[in-house]
Amino acid sequence: MKAEIYSKPNCKFCVAAKELLERRGIEYVELQAPDHLETLMERIDAAGQPRPRTVPQIFLDGAYIGGYDRLAEQLGA
């Protein structure tokens, strides 16, 4: 399993998401949301989901998960 996490500096939920992924042994690529906002929004639109206002925004194996709470649910944390 691989993850992509769109985050921004000083975000406690971004830190928590990365720590959860690391505890589960899931490799991830971190992208700064402000620098990749257009790509992020295009991917979320393609997934048929409403545009979020918060970070992190997470994809697992290419599938859009959402934010930290959804990641924790998905991984049974």
Protein backbone atom coordinates (compact mmCIF):
# COMPACT_ATOMS: atom_id res chain seq x y z
CA MET A 1 0.00 0.00 0.00
CA LYS A 2 1.21 3.49 -0.82
CA ALA A 3 -0.15 6.85 0.20
CA GLU A 4 -0.01 10.42 -1.00
CA ILE A 5 -0.62 13.11 1.56
CA TYR A 6 -1.26 16.72 0.67
CA SER A 7 -0.30 18.78 3.68
CA LYS A 8 0.98 22.13 4.85
CA PRO A 9 3.53 23.14 7.48
CA ASN A 10 2.52 23.38 11.14
CA CYS A 11 -0.62 21.27 10.69
CA LYS A 12 -1.17 18.95 13.65
CA PHE A 13 -3.53 16.69 11.69
CA CYS A 14 -0.94 16.37 8.91
CA VAL A 15 1.64 15.30 11.48
CA ALA A 16 -0.82 12.82 13.01
CA ALA A 17 -1.63 11.35 9.57
CA LYS A 18 2.05 10.88 8.72
CA GLU A 19 2.70 9.27 12.10
CA LEU A 20 -0.23 6.89 11.59
CA LEU A 21 1.03 5.91 8.15
CA GLU A 22 4.50 5.31 9.56
CA ARG A 23 3.14 3.16 12.43
CA ARG A 24 1.28 1.05 9.89
CA GLY A 25 4.39 0.72 7.71
CA ILE A 26 2.74 2.49 4.78
CA GLU A 27 5.07 4.36 2.46
CA TYR A 28 3.93 7.83 1.57
CA VAL A 29 4.80 10.80 -0.56
CA GLU A 30 4.13 14.18 0.99
CA LEU A 31 3.13 17.08 -1.24
CA GLN A 32 2.67 20.62 -0.02
CA ALA A 33 -0.99 21.44 -0.69
CA PRO A 34 -0.44 25.13 -1.48
CA ASP A 35 2.09 24.19 -4.17
CA HIS A 36 -0.08 21.44 -5.69
CA LEU A 37 -3.57 22.85 -5.10
CA GLU A 38 -4.73 22.66 -8.71
CA THR A 39 -3.69 19.01 -9.06
CA LEU A 40 -5.27 18.14 -5.72
CA MET A 41 -8.59 19.73 -6.66
CA GLU A 42 -8.61 18.02 -10.06
CA ARG A 43 -8.06 14.63 -8.40
CA ILE A 44 -10.80 15.22 -5.84
CA ASP A 45 -13.18 16.39 -8.57
CA ALA A 46 -12.37 13.25 -10.57
CA ALA A 47 -13.25 11.17 -7.49
CA GLY A 48 -16.66 12.88 -7.44
CA GLN A 49 -16.11 14.32 -3.97
CA PRO A 50 -16.79 17.82 -2.66
CA ARG A 51 -13.79 20.10 -2.46
CA PRO A 52 -12.31 20.16 1.04
CA ARG A 53 -11.18 23.23 2.93
CA THR A 54 -8.71 21.49 5.21
CA VAL A 55 -5.54 19.43 5.12
CA PRO A 56 -4.34 16.79 5.11
CA GLN A 57 -5.98 15.28 2.05
CA ILE A 58 -4.96 11.67 1.56
CA PHE A 59 -5.00 9.10 -1.23
CA LEU A 60 -4.32 5.39 -0.60
CA ASP A 61 -3.25 3.36 -3.62
CA GLY A 62 -4.62 6.16 -5.80
CA ALA A 63 -8.07 6.20 -4.18
CA TYR A 64 -9.20 9.36 -2.44
CA ILE A 65 -9.67 8.83 1.30
CA GLY A 66 -10.12 12.37 2.63
CA GLY A 67 -8.66 13.81 5.81
CA TYR A 68 -7.09 12.43 8.96
CA ASP A 69 -10.35 11.15 10.52
CA ARG A 70 -11.20 9.11 7.43
CA LEU A 71 -7.64 7.74 7.29
CA ALA A 72 -7.88 6.65 10.93
CA GLU A 73 -11.22 4.94 10.20
CA GLN A 74 -9.82 3.24 7.11
CA LEU A 75 -6.78 1.92 8.96
CA GLY A 76 -8.67 0.98 12.10
CA ALA A 77 -6.78 3.38 14.35
